[in-house]
All heavy atoms as atom14 arrays in JSON, in Angstrom:
{
  "sequence": "NHYPIMMSKSYNHSDIHNAQRKGNVTIAMNNVNVEDN",
  "atom14_mask": [
    [1, 1, 1, 1, 1, 1, 1, 1, 0, 0, 0, 0, 0, 0],
    [1, 1, 1, 1, 1, 1, 1, 1, 1, 1, 0, 0, 0, 0],
    [1, 1, 1, 1, 1, 1, 1, 1, 1, 1, 1, 1, 0, 0],
    [1, 1, 1, 1, 1, 1, 1, 0, 0, 0, 0, 0, 0, 0],
    [1, 1, 1, 1, 1, 1, 1, 1, 0, 0, 0, 0, 0, 0],
    [1, 1, 1, 1, 1, 1, 1, 1, 0, 0, 0, 0, 0, 0],
    [1, 1, 1, 1, 1, 1, 1, 1, 0, 0, 0, 0, 0, 0],
    [1, 1, 1, 1, 1, 1, 0, 0, 0, 0, 0, 0, 0, 0],
    [1, 1, 1, 1, 1, 1, 1, 1, 1, 0, 0, 0, 0, 0],
    [1, 1, 1, 1, 1, 1, 0, 0, 0, 0, 0, 0, 0, 0],
    [1, 1, 1, 1, 1, 1, 1, 1, 1, 1, 1, 1, 0, 0],
    [1, 1, 1, 1, 1, 1, 1, 1, 0, 0, 0, 0, 0, 0],
    [1, 1, 1, 1, 1, 1, 1, 1, 1, 1, 0, 0, 0, 0],
    [1, 1, 1, 1, 1, 1, 0, 0, 0, 0, 0, 0, 0, 0],
    [1, 1, 1, 1, 1, 1, 1, 1, 0, 0, 0, 0, 0, 0],
    [1, 1, 1, 1, 1, 1, 1, 1, 0, 0, 0, 0, 0, 0],
    [1, 1, 1, 1, 1, 1, 1, 1, 1, 1, 0, 0, 0, 0],
    [1, 1, 1, 1, 1, 1, 1, 1, 0, 0, 0, 0, 0, 0],
    [1, 1, 1, 1, 1, 0, 0, 0, 0, 0, 0, 0, 0, 0],
    [1, 1, 1, 1, 1, 1, 1, 1, 1, 0, 0, 0, 0, 0],
    [1, 1, 1, 1, 1, 1, 1, 1, 1, 1, 1, 0, 0, 0],
    [1, 1, 1, 1, 1, 1, 1, 1, 1, 0, 0, 0, 0, 0],
    [1, 1, 1, 1, 0, 0, 0, 0, 0, 0, 0, 0, 0, 0],
    [1, 1, 1, 1, 1, 1, 1, 1, 0, 0, 0, 0, 0, 0],
    [1, 1, 1, 1, 1, 1, 1, 0, 0, 0, 0, 0, 0, 0],
    [1, 1, 1, 1, 1, 1, 1, 0, 0, 0, 0, 0, 0, 0],
    [1, 1, 1, 1, 1, 1, 1, 1, 0, 0, 0, 0, 0, 0],
    [1, 1, 1, 1, 1, 0, 0, 0, 0, 0, 0, 0, 0, 0],
    [1, 1, 1, 1, 1, 1, 1, 1, 0, 0, 0, 0, 0, 0],
    [1, 1, 1, 1, 1, 1, 1, 1, 0, 0, 0, 0, 0, 0],
    [1, 1, 1, 1, 1, 1, 1, 1, 0, 0, 0, 0, 0, 0],
    [1, 1, 1, 1, 1, 1, 1, 0, 0, 0, 0, 0, 0, 0],
    [1, 1, 1, 1, 1, 1, 1, 1, 0, 0, 0, 0, 0, 0],
    [1, 1, 1, 1, 1, 1, 1, 0, 0, 0, 0, 0, 0, 0],
    [1, 1, 1, 1, 1, 1, 1, 1, 1, 0, 0, 0, 0, 0],
    [1, 1, 1, 1, 1, 1, 1, 1, 0, 0, 0, 0, 0, 0],
    [1, 1, 1, 1, 1, 1, 1, 1, 0, 0, 0, 0, 0, 0]
  ],
  "atom14_positions": [
    [[0.8, -1.22, 0.0], [0.0, 0.0, 0.0], [0.84, 1.28, 0.0], [0.37, 2.33, 0.44], [-0.97, 0.01, 1.19], [-1.82, -1.24, 1.25], [-2.52, -1.56, 0.3], [-1.72, -1.98, 2.35], [0.0, 0.0, 0.0], [0.0, 0.0, 0.0], [0.0, 0.0, 0.0], [0.0, 0.0, 0.0], [0.0, 0.0, 0.0], [0.0, 0.0, 0.0]],
    [[2.06, 1.2, -0.49], [2.93, 2.38, -0.6], [2.91, 2.89, -2.04], [3.17, 2.13, -2.98], [4.36, 2.06, -0.17], [4.56, 1.99, 1.31], [3.82, 1.16, 2.12], [5.39, 2.68, 2.14], [4.22, 1.32, 3.38], [5.16, 2.25, 3.42], [0.0, 0.0, 0.0], [0.0, 0.0, 0.0], [0.0, 0.0, 0.0], [0.0, 0.0, 0.0]],
    [[2.61, 4.18, -2.19], [2.46, 4.76, -3.52], [3.25, 6.07, -3.61], [2.83, 7.09, -3.08], [0.99, 5.05, -3.8], [0.08, 3.86, -3.61], [-0.67, 3.73, -2.44], [-0.03, 2.87, -4.58], [-1.5, 2.64, -2.24], [-0.86, 1.78, -4.39], [-1.6, 1.67, -3.22], [-2.42, 0.58, -3.02], [0.0, 0.0, 0.0], [0.0, 0.0, 0.0]],
    [[4.42, 6.05, -4.27], [5.16, 7.3, -4.44], [4.44, 8.21, -5.43], [4.15, 7.82, -6.56], [6.51, 6.83, -5.0], [6.23, 5.51, -5.64], [5.11, 4.9, -4.87], [0.0, 0.0, 0.0], [0.0, 0.0, 0.0], [0.0, 0.0, 0.0], [0.0, 0.0, 0.0], [0.0, 0.0, 0.0], [0.0, 0.0, 0.0], [0.0, 0.0, 0.0]],
    [[4.14, 9.43, -5.0], [3.36, 10.36, -5.81], [4.26, 11.45, -6.4], [4.29, 11.67, -7.59], [2.26, 11.03, -4.95], [1.36, 9.96, -4.3], [1.42, 11.98, -5.8], [0.55, 9.17, -5.27], [0.0, 0.0, 0.0], [0.0, 0.0, 0.0], [0.0, 0.0, 0.0], [0.0, 0.0, 0.0], [0.0, 0.0, 0.0], [0.0, 0.0, 0.0]],
    [[4.97, 12.14, -5.54], [5.75, 13.31, -5.94], [7.23, 13.07, -5.69], [7.61, 12.43, -4.7], [5.28, 14.54, -5.13], [6.08, 15.81, -5.38], [5.67, 17.11, -4.17], [4.04, 17.57, -4.73], [0.0, 0.0, 0.0], [0.0, 0.0, 0.0], [0.0, 0.0, 0.0], [0.0, 0.0, 0.0], [0.0, 0.0, 0.0], [0.0, 0.0, 0.0]],
    [[8.07, 13.59, -6.59], [9.52, 13.53, -6.42], [10.11, 14.89, -6.78], [9.57, 15.61, -7.61], [10.14, 12.46, -7.34], [9.57, 11.07, -7.23], [10.42, 9.88, -8.32], [9.98, 10.51, -9.95], [0.0, 0.0, 0.0], [0.0, 0.0, 0.0], [0.0, 0.0, 0.0], [0.0, 0.0, 0.0], [0.0, 0.0, 0.0], [0.0, 0.0, 0.0]],
    [[11.24, 15.21, -6.15], [11.9, 16.46, -6.5], [13.37, 16.43, -6.13], [13.74, 16.05, -5.01], [11.24, 17.65, -5.8], [11.91, 18.85, -6.15], [0.0, 0.0, 0.0], [0.0, 0.0, 0.0], [0.0, 0.0, 0.0], [0.0, 0.0, 0.0], [0.0, 0.0, 0.0], [0.0, 0.0, 0.0], [0.0, 0.0, 0.0], [0.0, 0.0, 0.0]],
    [[14.18, 16.85, -7.08], [15.61, 16.99, -6.82], [15.92, 18.36, -6.23], [17.05, 18.64, -5.85], [16.39, 16.79, -8.12], [17.76, 16.19, -7.92], [18.34, 15.7, -9.23], [19.65, 14.97, -9.0], [19.49, 13.72, -8.26], [0.0, 0.0, 0.0], [0.0, 0.0, 0.0], [0.0, 0.0, 0.0], [0.0, 0.0, 0.0], [0.0, 0.0, 0.0]],
    [[14.91, 19.22, -6.15], [15.11, 20.58, -5.65], [15.02, 20.66, -4.13], [15.5, 21.62, -3.53], [14.07, 21.52, -6.26], [14.18, 21.55, -7.66], [0.0, 0.0, 0.0], [0.0, 0.0, 0.0], [0.0, 0.0, 0.0], [0.0, 0.0, 0.0], [0.0, 0.0, 0.0], [0.0, 0.0, 0.0], [0.0, 0.0, 0.0], [0.0, 0.0, 0.0]],
    [[14.39, 19.67, -3.5], [14.18, 19.67, -2.05], [15.04, 18.61, -1.41], [15.21, 17.51, -1.95], [12.72, 19.4, -1.71], [11.77, 20.51, -2.13], [11.27, 20.58, -3.42], [11.37, 21.49, -1.22], [10.41, 21.59, -3.82], [10.5, 22.5, -1.6], [10.04, 22.55, -2.91], [9.18, 23.56, -3.29], [0.0, 0.0, 0.0], [0.0, 0.0, 0.0]],
    [[15.57, 18.91, -0.23], [16.28, 17.9, 0.55], [15.43, 17.45, 1.73], [14.29, 17.89, 1.89], [17.66, 18.41, 0.99], [17.58, 19.61, 1.92], [16.8, 19.64, 2.87], [18.41, 20.62, 1.65], [0.0, 0.0, 0.0], [0.0, 0.0, 0.0], [0.0, 0.0, 0.0], [0.0, 0.0, 0.0], [0.0, 0.0, 0.0], [0.0, 0.0, 0.0]],
    [[15.98, 16.6, 2.56], [15.23, 15.99, 3.65], [14.62, 17.02, 4.6], [13.49, 16.88, 5.04], [16.14, 15.05, 4.44], [15.43, 14.24, 5.48], [14.78, 13.06, 5.18], [15.27, 14.42, 6.82], [14.24, 12.56, 6.28], [14.53, 13.36, 7.29], [0.0, 0.0, 0.0], [0.0, 0.0, 0.0], [0.0, 0.0, 0.0], [0.0, 0.0, 0.0]],
    [[15.37, 18.06, 4.9], [14.97, 18.99, 5.94], [14.01, 20.08, 5.48], [13.33, 20.69, 6.3], [16.22, 19.65, 6.55], [17.06, 18.69, 7.13], [0.0, 0.0, 0.0], [0.0, 0.0, 0.0], [0.0, 0.0, 0.0], [0.0, 0.0, 0.0], [0.0, 0.0, 0.0], [0.0, 0.0, 0.0], [0.0, 0.0, 0.0], [0.0, 0.0, 0.0]],
    [[13.95, 20.33, 4.17], [13.13, 21.47, 3.75], [11.84, 21.1, 3.02], [11.03, 21.97, 2.72], [13.94, 22.46, 2.92], [14.6, 21.87, 1.69], [14.06, 20.9, 1.12], [15.67, 22.38, 1.28], [0.0, 0.0, 0.0], [0.0, 0.0, 0.0], [0.0, 0.0, 0.0], [0.0, 0.0, 0.0], [0.0, 0.0, 0.0], [0.0, 0.0, 0.0]],
    [[11.61, 19.81, 2.76], [10.41, 19.45, 2.0], [9.12, 19.71, 2.79], [8.06, 19.92, 2.2], [10.45, 17.97, 1.53], [9.34, 17.71, 0.5], [10.38, 17.02, 2.71], [9.43, 16.38, -0.19], [0.0, 0.0, 0.0], [0.0, 0.0, 0.0], [0.0, 0.0, 0.0], [0.0, 0.0, 0.0], [0.0, 0.0, 0.0], [0.0, 0.0, 0.0]],
    [[9.2, 19.75, 4.12], [7.98, 19.98, 4.91], [7.81, 21.45, 5.3], [6.87, 21.79, 6.04], [7.98, 19.11, 6.17], [8.96, 19.53, 7.23], [10.32, 19.47, 7.05], [8.77, 20.03, 8.48], [10.92, 19.9, 8.14], [10.01, 20.25, 9.02], [0.0, 0.0, 0.0], [0.0, 0.0, 0.0], [0.0, 0.0, 0.0], [0.0, 0.0, 0.0]],
    [[8.67, 22.31, 4.8], [8.59, 23.73, 5.15], [7.82, 24.53, 4.1], [7.37, 24.0, 3.09], [10.0, 24.29, 5.32], [10.68, 23.76, 6.57], [10.01, 23.42, 7.55], [12.0, 23.66, 6.53], [0.0, 0.0, 0.0], [0.0, 0.0, 0.0], [0.0, 0.0, 0.0], [0.0, 0.0, 0.0], [0.0, 0.0, 0.0], [0.0, 0.0, 0.0]],
    [[7.69, 25.82, 4.34], [6.85, 26.68, 3.5], [7.59, 27.22, 2.28], [6.96, 27.69, 1.34], [6.31, 27.85, 4.34], [0.0, 0.0, 0.0], [0.0, 0.0, 0.0], [0.0, 0.0, 0.0], [0.0, 0.0, 0.0], [0.0, 0.0, 0.0], [0.0, 0.0, 0.0], [0.0, 0.0, 0.0], [0.0, 0.0, 0.0], [0.0, 0.0, 0.0]],
    [[8.92, 27.18, 2.29], [9.68, 27.81, 1.22], [9.69, 26.96, -0.04], [9.86, 25.74, 0.02], [11.12, 28.06, 1.67], [11.28, 29.09, 2.77], [10.88, 28.55, 4.13], [10.99, 27.35, 4.38], [10.41, 29.41, 5.02], [0.0, 0.0, 0.0], [0.0, 0.0, 0.0], [0.0, 0.0, 0.0], [0.0, 0.0, 0.0], [0.0, 0.0, 0.0]],
    [[9.5, 27.63, -1.18], [9.62, 26.94, -2.45], [11.09, 26.8, -2.81], [11.87, 27.73, -2.71], [8.9, 27.7, -3.56], [9.04, 27.02, -4.91], [8.59, 27.87, -6.08], [8.91, 27.18, -7.34], [10.05, 27.31, -8.0], [10.99, 28.13, -7.54], [10.27, 26.63, -9.11], [0.0, 0.0, 0.0], [0.0, 0.0, 0.0], [0.0, 0.0, 0.0]],
    [[11.49, 25.6, -3.24], [12.89, 25.36, -3.61], [13.07, 25.08, -5.1], [14.16, 25.23, -5.63], [13.43, 24.16, -2.81], [13.5, 24.39, -1.31], [14.52, 25.46, -0.96], [14.64, 25.65, 0.53], [15.68, 26.63, 0.9], [0.0, 0.0, 0.0], [0.0, 0.0, 0.0], [0.0, 0.0, 0.0], [0.0, 0.0, 0.0], [0.0, 0.0, 0.0]],
    [[12.0, 24.67, -5.78], [12.13, 24.36, -7.2], [11.0, 23.48, -7.69], [10.07, 23.16, -6.94], [0.0, 0.0, 0.0], [0.0, 0.0, 0.0], [0.0, 0.0, 0.0], [0.0, 0.0, 0.0], [0.0, 0.0, 0.0], [0.0, 0.0, 0.0], [0.0, 0.0, 0.0], [0.0, 0.0, 0.0], [0.0, 0.0, 0.0], [0.0, 0.0, 0.0]],
    [[11.08, 23.08, -8.94], [10.02, 22.27, -9.53], [9.98, 20.86, -8.94], [11.0, 20.34, -8.47], [10.23, 22.16, -11.05], [9.88, 23.45, -11.76], [9.17, 24.3, -11.23], [10.39, 23.61, -12.98], [0.0, 0.0, 0.0], [0.0, 0.0, 0.0], [0.0, 0.0, 0.0], [0.0, 0.0, 0.0], [0.0, 0.0, 0.0], [0.0, 0.0, 0.0]],
    [[8.82, 20.26, -9.01], [8.64, 18.88, -8.58], [7.98, 18.11, -9.72], [7.34, 18.69, -10.61], [7.8, 18.76, -7.29], [8.4, 19.57, -6.17], [6.36, 19.19, -7.53], [0.0, 0.0, 0.0], [0.0, 0.0, 0.0], [0.0, 0.0, 0.0], [0.0, 0.0, 0.0], [0.0, 0.0, 0.0], [0.0, 0.0, 0.0], [0.0, 0.0, 0.0]],
    [[8.14, 16.8, -9.69], [7.55, 15.95, -10.72], [6.73, 14.85, -10.06], [6.61, 14.8, -8.83], [8.65, 15.36, -11.62], [8.03, 14.72, -12.74], [9.52, 14.36, -10.87], [0.0, 0.0, 0.0], [0.0, 0.0, 0.0], [0.0, 0.0, 0.0], [0.0, 0.0, 0.0], [0.0, 0.0, 0.0], [0.0, 0.0, 0.0], [0.0, 0.0, 0.0]],
    [[6.15, 13.98, -10.86], [5.33, 12.9, -10.33], [6.01, 11.56, -10.56], [6.81, 11.4, -11.48], [3.92, 12.87, -10.95], [4.01, 12.73, -12.48], [3.13, 14.1, -10.56], [2.7, 12.39, -13.14], [0.0, 0.0, 0.0], [0.0, 0.0, 0.0], [0.0, 0.0, 0.0], [0.0, 0.0, 0.0], [0.0, 0.0, 0.0], [0.0, 0.0, 0.0]],
    [[5.67, 10.58, -9.72], [6.07, 9.2, -9.94], [4.83, 8.44, -10.4], [4.64, 8.15, -11.56], [6.65, 8.61, -8.67], [0.0, 0.0, 0.0], [0.0, 0.0, 0.0], [0.0, 0.0, 0.0], [0.0, 0.0, 0.0], [0.0, 0.0, 0.0], [0.0, 0.0, 0.0], [0.0, 0.0, 0.0], [0.0, 0.0, 0.0], [0.0, 0.0, 0.0]],
    [[3.94, 8.16, -9.45], [2.6, 7.69, -9.79], [1.67, 8.91, -9.71], [1.98, 9.9, -9.08], [2.12, 6.64, -8.79], [2.97, 5.39, -8.73], [2.33, 4.23, -7.48], [3.59, 2.95, -7.53], [0.0, 0.0, 0.0], [0.0, 0.0, 0.0], [0.0, 0.0, 0.0], [0.0, 0.0, 0.0], [0.0, 0.0, 0.0], [0.0, 0.0, 0.0]],
    [[0.52, 8.8, -10.35], [-0.46, 9.88, -10.28], [-1.85, 9.27, -10.2], [-2.07, 8.14, -10.64], [-0.33, 10.79, -11.49], [-0.76, 12.23, -11.2], [-1.04, 12.58, -10.05], [-0.79, 13.06, -12.22], [0.0, 0.0, 0.0], [0.0, 0.0, 0.0], [0.0, 0.0, 0.0], [0.0, 0.0, 0.0], [0.0, 0.0, 0.0], [0.0, 0.0, 0.0]],
    [[-2.77, 10.01, -9.61], [-4.17, 9.58, -9.54], [-4.35, 8.3, -8.73], [-4.76, 7.25, -9.23], [-4.75, 9.41, -10.94], [-4.64, 10.67, -11.77], [-4.93, 11.75, -11.28], [-4.2, 10.53, -13.01], [0.0, 0.0, 0.0], [0.0, 0.0, 0.0], [0.0, 0.0, 0.0], [0.0, 0.0, 0.0], [0.0, 0.0, 0.0], [0.0, 0.0, 0.0]],
    [[-4.03, 8.37, -7.44], [-4.22, 7.27, -6.5], [-5.56, 7.46, -5.8], [-5.9, 8.56, -5.38], [-3.08, 7.22, -5.47], [-3.34, 6.16, -4.41], [-1.75, 6.94, -6.18], [0.0, 0.0, 0.0], [0.0, 0.0, 0.0], [0.0, 0.0, 0.0], [0.0, 0.0, 0.0], [0.0, 0.0, 0.0], [0.0, 0.0, 0.0], [0.0, 0.0, 0.0]],
    [[-6.32, 6.37, -5.66], [-7.64, 6.44, -5.05], [-7.56, 6.36, -3.54], [-6.97, 5.43, -3.0], [-8.53, 5.32, -5.58], [-9.96, 5.42, -5.06], [-10.28, 4.98, -3.96], [-10.83, 6.0, -5.87], [0.0, 0.0, 0.0], [0.0, 0.0, 0.0], [0.0, 0.0, 0.0], [0.0, 0.0, 0.0], [0.0, 0.0, 0.0], [0.0, 0.0, 0.0]],
    [[-8.14, 7.34, -2.87], [-8.23, 7.35, -1.41], [-9.68, 7.58, -1.03], [-10.2, 8.69, -1.19], [-7.34, 8.45, -0.79], [-7.58, 8.54, 0.72], [-5.87, 8.17, -1.07], [0.0, 0.0, 0.0], [0.0, 0.0, 0.0], [0.0, 0.0, 0.0], [0.0, 0.0, 0.0], [0.0, 0.0, 0.0], [0.0, 0.0, 0.0], [0.0, 0.0, 0.0]],
    [[-10.35, 6.53, -0.6], [-11.76, 6.64, -0.2], [-12.59, 7.33, -1.28], [-13.36, 8.26, -1.01], [-11.86, 7.42, 1.12], [-11.22, 6.74, 2.31], [-12.08, 5.61, 2.88], [-13.24, 5.87, 3.19], [-11.57, 4.48, 2.98], [0.0, 0.0, 0.0], [0.0, 0.0, 0.0], [0.0, 0.0, 0.0], [0.0, 0.0, 0.0], [0.0, 0.0, 0.0]],
    [[-12.42, 6.86, -2.51], [-13.15, 7.39, -3.68], [-12.75, 8.82, -4.04], [-13.43, 9.49, -4.82], [-14.67, 7.32, -3.46], [-15.16, 5.89, -3.36], [-14.6, 5.02, -4.06], [-16.1, 5.64, -2.57], [0.0, 0.0, 0.0], [0.0, 0.0, 0.0], [0.0, 0.0, 0.0], [0.0, 0.0, 0.0], [0.0, 0.0, 0.0], [0.0, 0.0, 0.0]],
    [[-11.66, 9.3, -3.48], [-11.1, 10.59, -3.88], [-9.86, 10.34, -4.73], [-8.99, 9.54, -4.37], [-10.71, 11.42, -2.66], [-11.9, 11.84, -1.83], [-12.65, 12.73, -2.23], [-12.09, 11.21, -0.68], [0.0, 0.0, 0.0], [0.0, 0.0, 0.0], [0.0, 0.0, 0.0], [0.0, 0.0, 0.0], [0.0, 0.0, 0.0], [0.0, 0.0, 0.0]]
  ]
}
């Protein structure tokens, strides 16, 4: 049940959960179903 959605070479471990934009991001998988969403 693990689904990688987003990837980015612009963010490192410490800044991906912060508010600052670091660069573009891309997708791995897309359109995963969560409770019909």
